Protein backbone atom coordinates (compact mmCIF):
# COMPACT_ATOMS: atom_id res chain seq x y z
CA MET A 1 77.69 77.94 9.33
CA GLN A 2 80.53 75.74 9.30
CA GLN A 3 80.76 73.10 12.14
CA ASN A 4 83.09 73.76 15.09
CA ILE A 5 82.75 70.83 17.49
CA PRO A 6 85.54 71.99 20.31
CA LEU A 7 83.82 75.39 20.44
CA ALA A 8 80.45 73.85 20.52
CA VAL A 9 81.32 71.90 23.52
CA ILE A 10 82.84 74.79 25.27
CA LEU A 11 79.56 76.84 24.81
CA THR A 12 77.64 73.85 26.06
CA VAL A 13 79.55 73.45 29.42
CA LEU A 14 78.98 77.38 29.86
CA ALA A 15 75.37 76.82 29.21
CA SER A 16 75.07 74.02 31.63
CA VAL A 17 76.55 76.14 34.51
CA ALA A 18 73.96 79.00 33.56
CA LEU A 19 71.24 76.43 33.70
CA ALA A 20 72.29 75.24 37.18
CA VAL A 21 72.22 78.46 38.83
CA ALA A 22 69.01 79.57 37.28
CA SER A 23 67.29 76.38 38.42
CA VAL A 24 68.31 76.61 42.09
CA VAL A 25 67.42 80.33 41.89
CA GLN A 26 63.92 79.76 40.42
CA HIS A 27 63.42 76.66 42.82
CA LEU A 28 63.69 78.76 45.53
CA ALA A 29 61.62 81.67 44.24
CA VAL A 30 58.83 79.14 43.41
CA GLY A 31 59.12 77.82 47.08
CA ASP A 32 58.34 81.36 48.08
CA THR A 33 55.06 80.89 46.40
CA ALA A 34 53.95 77.12 46.65
CA THR A 35 51.17 76.73 49.11
CA LYS A 36 51.26 72.75 49.26
CA ARG A 37 54.06 70.34 48.71
CA GLY A 38 53.31 68.52 45.46
CA ALA A 39 50.26 70.62 44.42
CA LYS A 40 49.87 72.10 41.01
CA LEU A 41 50.64 76.03 41.00
CA SER A 42 47.51 77.96 40.44
CA GLY A 43 47.35 80.73 37.71
CA LYS A 44 47.53 83.28 40.47
CA GLU A 45 50.52 81.57 42.00
CA LEU A 46 52.17 81.48 38.60
CA LEU A 47 51.59 85.05 38.12
CA SER A 48 53.19 85.68 41.73
CA VAL A 49 56.24 83.57 40.62
CA VAL A 50 56.86 85.60 37.47
CA ARG A 51 56.87 88.80 39.41
CA ASN A 52 59.59 87.46 41.77
CA PRO A 53 62.71 89.36 41.25
CA ARG A 54 64.92 86.36 42.01
CA TRP A 55 62.74 84.36 39.65
CA LEU A 56 63.30 86.80 36.91
CA GLY A 57 67.13 86.77 37.61
CA GLY A 58 66.82 83.13 37.18
CA LEU A 59 64.99 83.62 33.75
CA MET A 60 67.61 85.82 32.58
CA LEU A 61 70.35 83.18 33.13
CA THR A 62 68.30 80.59 31.57
CA GLY A 63 67.98 82.95 28.54
CA VAL A 64 71.88 83.08 28.49
CA GLY A 65 72.12 79.41 28.67
CA ALA A 66 69.67 79.06 25.83
CA VAL A 67 71.66 81.48 23.56
CA LEU A 68 74.88 79.67 24.43
CA GLN A 69 73.31 76.27 23.42
CA MET A 70 71.33 77.44 20.29
CA THR A 71 74.85 78.87 19.21
CA ALA A 72 76.27 75.47 19.93
CA LEU A 73 73.55 73.76 18.00
CA LEU A 74 74.57 75.81 15.09
CA LEU A 75 78.25 74.41 15.22
CA ALA A 76 77.67 70.76 15.82
CA PRO A 77 75.12 67.88 15.51
CA VAL A 78 72.25 67.55 18.04
CA THR A 79 73.56 64.28 19.01
CA VAL A 80 76.92 65.89 20.16
CA VAL A 81 75.51 69.27 21.89
CA GLN A 82 72.48 67.84 23.73
CA PRO A 83 74.11 65.02 26.13
CA ILE A 84 76.77 67.47 27.24
CA GLY A 85 74.26 69.63 29.17
CA VAL A 86 74.00 66.69 31.78
CA LEU A 87 76.86 68.60 33.32
CA ALA A 88 74.18 70.86 34.88
CA VAL A 89 73.25 67.92 37.31
CA PRO A 90 76.55 67.91 39.49
CA TRP A 91 76.68 71.79 39.37
CA THR A 92 73.04 71.92 40.70
CA ILE A 93 73.38 69.46 43.38
CA LEU A 94 76.57 71.39 44.69
CA LEU A 95 74.43 74.68 44.71
CA ALA A 96 71.30 73.16 46.21
CA ALA A 97 73.39 71.67 48.95
CA ARG A 98 74.92 75.01 49.71
CA ALA A 99 71.61 76.79 49.40
CA HIS A 100 70.01 74.29 52.03
CA ARG A 101 73.07 74.21 54.15
CA ARG A 102 73.01 70.47 54.10
CA PRO A 103 76.00 68.00 53.15
CA ILE A 104 75.74 66.00 50.20
CA SER A 105 75.54 62.02 51.00
CA PRO A 106 77.13 59.33 49.11
CA THR A 107 73.67 58.26 48.16
CA ILE A 108 73.10 61.51 46.23
CA TRP A 109 76.65 61.43 44.56
CA GLY A 110 75.79 57.80 43.58
CA ALA A 111 72.45 58.94 41.85
CA ALA A 112 74.14 61.88 40.22
CA THR A 113 77.04 59.55 38.80
CA LEU A 114 74.47 57.30 37.40
CA THR A 115 72.93 60.30 35.74
CA VAL A 116 76.24 61.49 34.45
CA VAL A 117 77.84 58.47 33.44
CA GLY A 118 74.64 57.14 31.69
CA THR A 119 74.29 60.38 29.84
CA ALA A 120 78.02 60.78 28.87
CA ALA A 121 78.19 57.21 27.74
CA PHE A 122 74.89 57.66 25.58
CA ALA A 123 76.60 61.00 24.18
CA TRP A 124 79.86 59.09 23.38
CA VAL A 125 78.09 56.40 21.38
CA ALA A 126 75.89 59.13 19.69
CA ILE A 127 78.90 61.29 18.86
CA SER A 128 80.87 58.26 17.47
CA HIS A 129 78.13 57.65 14.99
CA ALA A 130 77.07 61.29 14.29
CA ALA A 131 76.01 62.45 10.58
CA PRO A 132 77.95 65.20 9.50
CA TYR A 133 74.93 67.39 8.36
CA PRO A 134 71.08 67.00 8.89
CA VAL A 135 68.62 65.81 5.98
CA LEU A 136 65.63 68.15 5.76
CA ASN A 137 62.13 66.85 4.79
CA ASP A 138 59.37 68.98 5.21
CA THR A 139 56.75 66.19 6.01
CA TRP A 140 58.99 64.61 8.61
CA LEU A 141 59.75 67.86 10.32
CA VAL A 142 56.05 68.86 10.85
CA VAL A 143 55.15 65.21 11.68
CA GLY A 144 58.27 64.47 14.16
CA THR A 145 57.68 68.03 15.83
CA LEU A 146 53.92 67.36 16.50
CA ALA A 147 54.67 63.86 17.73
CA GLY A 148 57.22 65.54 20.30
CA PHE A 149 54.50 67.84 21.43
CA GLY A 150 52.03 64.99 21.87
CA VAL A 151 54.47 63.04 24.05
CA ALA A 152 55.25 65.93 26.12
CA ALA A 153 51.34 66.71 26.61
CA ALA A 154 50.94 63.18 27.80
CA LEU A 155 53.77 63.56 30.43
CA ALA A 156 52.36 66.73 31.62
CA LEU A 157 48.82 65.18 32.12
CA ALA A 158 50.71 62.77 34.36
CA GLY A 159 52.22 65.48 36.11
CA ALA A 160 48.95 67.21 36.76
CA ARG A 161 46.91 64.22 37.90
CA GLY A 162 49.49 61.11 38.40
CA PRO A 163 50.64 59.95 41.82
CA LEU A 164 52.30 62.80 43.87
CA ALA A 165 55.78 61.04 44.09
CA TRP A 166 55.97 60.97 40.16
CA ARG A 167 54.78 64.51 39.43
CA CYS A 168 58.01 66.32 39.63
CA LEU A 169 59.51 63.81 37.23
CA ALA A 170 56.65 63.86 34.95
CA TRP A 171 56.53 67.76 34.69
CA SER A 172 60.17 67.88 34.11
CA ALA A 173 60.18 65.03 31.63
CA ALA A 174 57.38 66.93 29.65
CA ALA A 175 59.65 69.74 29.48
CA ALA A 176 62.58 68.06 28.50
CA VAL A 177 60.95 66.44 25.78
CA ILE A 178 59.95 69.80 24.39
CA TYR A 179 63.42 71.10 25.00
CA GLY A 180 65.15 67.80 23.35
CA ALA A 181 62.79 68.05 20.26
CA GLU A 182 63.29 72.00 20.04
CA SER A 183 67.09 71.38 19.79
CA GLY A 184 66.50 69.50 16.69
CA VAL A 185 64.05 72.15 15.32
CA VAL A 186 66.66 74.98 15.92
CA LYS A 187 69.45 72.89 13.98
CA ALA A 188 66.56 72.20 11.42
CA ILE A 189 65.85 76.02 11.17
CA GLY A 190 69.67 77.04 11.00
CA HIS A 191 70.25 74.58 8.15
CA TYR A 192 67.00 75.46 6.36
CA ALA A 193 67.79 79.10 6.33
CA ALA A 194 71.32 78.45 5.04
CA THR A 195 70.34 76.11 2.41
CA ARG A 196 66.80 76.85 1.22
CA PRO A 197 64.60 79.70 0.34
CA TRP A 198 63.07 79.85 3.62
CA LEU A 199 61.13 83.08 3.74
CA ALA A 200 58.24 81.85 1.80
CA SER A 201 58.36 78.27 3.35
CA PRO A 202 55.41 77.25 5.40
CA THR A 203 57.46 74.54 6.89
CA PHE A 204 59.90 77.03 8.13
CA TRP A 205 57.65 79.30 9.91
CA PHE A 206 55.80 76.37 11.44
CA LEU A 207 59.34 75.34 13.22
CA ALA A 208 59.67 78.92 14.12
CA ALA A 209 56.01 78.99 15.81
CA SER A 210 56.84 75.61 17.63
CA ILE A 211 60.01 77.15 19.25
CA ILE A 212 57.90 79.98 20.55
CA ALA A 213 54.93 77.76 21.74
CA GLY A 214 57.35 75.08 23.09
CA MET A 215 59.38 77.72 25.24
CA VAL A 216 56.18 78.97 26.92
CA LEU A 217 54.60 75.42 27.52
CA ALA A 218 58.10 74.04 28.82
CA GLY A 219 58.64 77.18 31.06
CA ILE A 220 55.25 76.47 32.91
CA TRP A 221 55.91 72.96 33.18
CA ILE A 222 59.24 73.38 34.74
CA GLN A 223 57.81 75.62 37.36
CA GLN A 224 55.35 73.22 38.16
CA GLY A 225 58.08 70.61 38.63
CA TYR A 226 59.55 72.97 40.95
CA ALA A 227 56.49 73.30 42.97
CA ALA A 228 56.33 69.36 43.18
CA GLY A 229 60.10 68.32 43.90
CA ALA A 230 63.67 69.44 44.22
CA ALA A 231 65.79 71.66 41.57
CA GLU A 232 68.16 68.55 41.41
CA THR A 233 65.15 66.36 40.22
CA VAL A 234 64.08 68.74 37.54
CA VAL A 235 67.68 69.55 36.33
CA GLY A 236 68.47 65.75 36.26
CA THR A 237 65.45 64.89 34.25
CA LEU A 238 65.84 67.78 31.72
CA ASN A 239 69.34 66.66 31.20
CA ALA A 240 68.75 63.07 30.98
CA ALA A 241 65.50 62.82 28.99
CA GLY A 242 66.12 66.08 27.15
CA PRO A 243 69.39 64.59 25.11
CA VAL A 244 67.40 61.20 24.44
CA ALA A 245 64.62 63.30 23.09
CA GLY A 246 67.15 65.41 21.16
CA VAL A 247 68.84 62.39 19.91
CA ALA A 248 65.74 60.57 18.82
CA TYR A 249 64.33 63.80 16.87
CA GLY A 250 67.88 64.01 15.28
CA VAL A 251 67.86 60.19 14.26
CA THR A 252 64.23 60.00 13.31
CA VAL A 253 63.67 63.35 11.76
CA LEU A 254 67.01 64.98 10.77
CA GLY A 255 68.48 61.67 9.41
CA GLU A 256 71.24 61.98 12.01
CA GLY A 257 71.15 58.24 12.76
CA VAL A 258 72.37 57.00 9.44
CA ASN A 259 75.53 55.86 10.86
CA ILE A 260 74.10 54.26 14.12
CA THR A 261 74.39 50.43 13.86
CA ALA A 262 72.20 48.03 15.90
CA SER A 263 74.71 47.28 18.47
CA ALA A 264 75.11 51.20 18.89
CA ALA A 265 71.44 51.70 19.27
CA VAL A 266 71.33 48.70 21.87
CA MET A 267 74.21 50.56 24.00
CA MET A 268 72.28 53.93 23.59
CA LEU A 269 69.26 52.22 25.19
CA CYS A 270 71.21 50.76 27.91
CA PHE A 271 73.07 53.93 28.92
CA ALA A 272 69.72 56.06 28.51
CA ALA A 273 68.15 53.46 31.10
CA ILE A 274 71.31 53.93 33.47
CA ALA A 275 70.74 57.68 33.24
CA ALA A 276 66.99 57.50 33.90
CA TRP A 277 67.50 55.40 36.96
CA GLY A 278 69.90 57.99 38.27
CA VAL A 279 67.32 60.67 37.86
CA VAL A 280 64.92 58.47 39.65
CA ARG A 281 67.26 58.10 42.63
CA LEU A 282 67.77 61.76 42.70
CA SER A 283 64.12 62.39 43.02
CA ARG A 284 64.08 60.35 46.20
CA PHE A 285 67.38 61.65 47.71
CA HIS A 286 68.81 65.27 47.22
CA PRO A 287 70.43 67.92 49.21
CA GLY A 288 66.79 69.52 50.09
CA SER A 289 65.09 66.36 51.24
CA ASP A 290 64.46 65.06 54.78
CA ASP A 291 67.44 64.35 56.87
CA ARG A 292 66.00 60.99 57.82
CA LEU A 293 65.65 59.60 54.16
CA ASP A 294 67.38 56.36 54.74
CA THR A 295 65.70 55.59 58.26
CA ALA A 296 62.00 56.57 57.58
CA PRO A 297 59.70 54.23 59.83
CA THR A 298 57.89 52.94 56.76
CA GLY A 299 60.78 51.71 55.26
CA GLN A 300 60.30 54.26 52.44
CA PRO A 301 62.28 57.35 52.09
CA ALA A 302 60.55 60.37 53.29
CA ARG A 303 59.91 62.64 50.34
CA SER A 304 60.33 66.58 50.56
CA ASN A 305 61.05 69.10 47.81
CA GLY A 306 63.36 71.17 50.00
CA MET A 307 60.58 73.73 50.21
CA MET A 308 58.05 72.06 52.61
CA SER A 309 58.23 69.67 55.16
CA PRO A 310 55.83 66.38 55.12
CA ASP A 311 53.27 68.39 57.20
CA ASN A 312 53.22 71.08 54.53
CA THR A 313 54.83 73.63 56.69
CA ARG A 314 57.63 75.52 55.27
CA GLU A 315 60.69 74.69 56.64
CA SER A 316 61.62 78.25 57.42
CA GLU A 317 58.47 78.33 59.73
CA ARG A 318 59.43 75.21 61.60
CA PRO A 319 60.39 75.93 65.02
């Protein structure tokens, strides 16, 4: 398919809106089921979540966003498409604030600005040095995809067993690595089908199977992230870590980094660090968090995922 970067940008922006709406809706649906703040959802709770009509509606929107983004990936390099999805962060903050009927504080906007600016700058450097077409190497495709799953599995383990305050970030980062890598896999599959005899290729079918497995795993991990934290944290992590993972896959596996200089690489690392710090801030201060974030007696911000109060009582049940 011939490249069309302007159309790819428009499709990615529309996908970011769909993701933002879906994230807030699904987060609220998970809040209807979660029994304890920060706790891992049990198998029974996950089944209850997927039967929730509100969650299913969010799933449909997620599907729409995925189709839009996959189409964009066929029209432009991964290093162009992936970072633009960070626009879902401000959309999600606005929607979450409305859902929780709370104002958006300067601290929240500051965290969102760090995330958006850091990722946008990262994208600008990546776009400025993007290669026109991917280079497909069967060995690198398999090794790179398996490596992505390995990193994601390690993060998911941290989400399941790590400190409570970091579980939402860890679950979300695990899903982000999968989604970021799979954006590269989608690009590889599209180019593979267009340029090679793919029907009898084991590599092609391995990549196709990895997309299905990744969608299932990432979907489960995102719900665990919703149970452990706020929708804004999940979306912020997905859209800050996802582009980094996608660009890493594009550079190391698809050969899209041939034009990246040493100075450009340093700038990308710095901008990625800024975006990551913004996500960490969002995990502490968000529209669904406690009103007394800045005045907690211990000197540390009170943590709440927007579904439970610190005493594990649902906010809707508080007097």
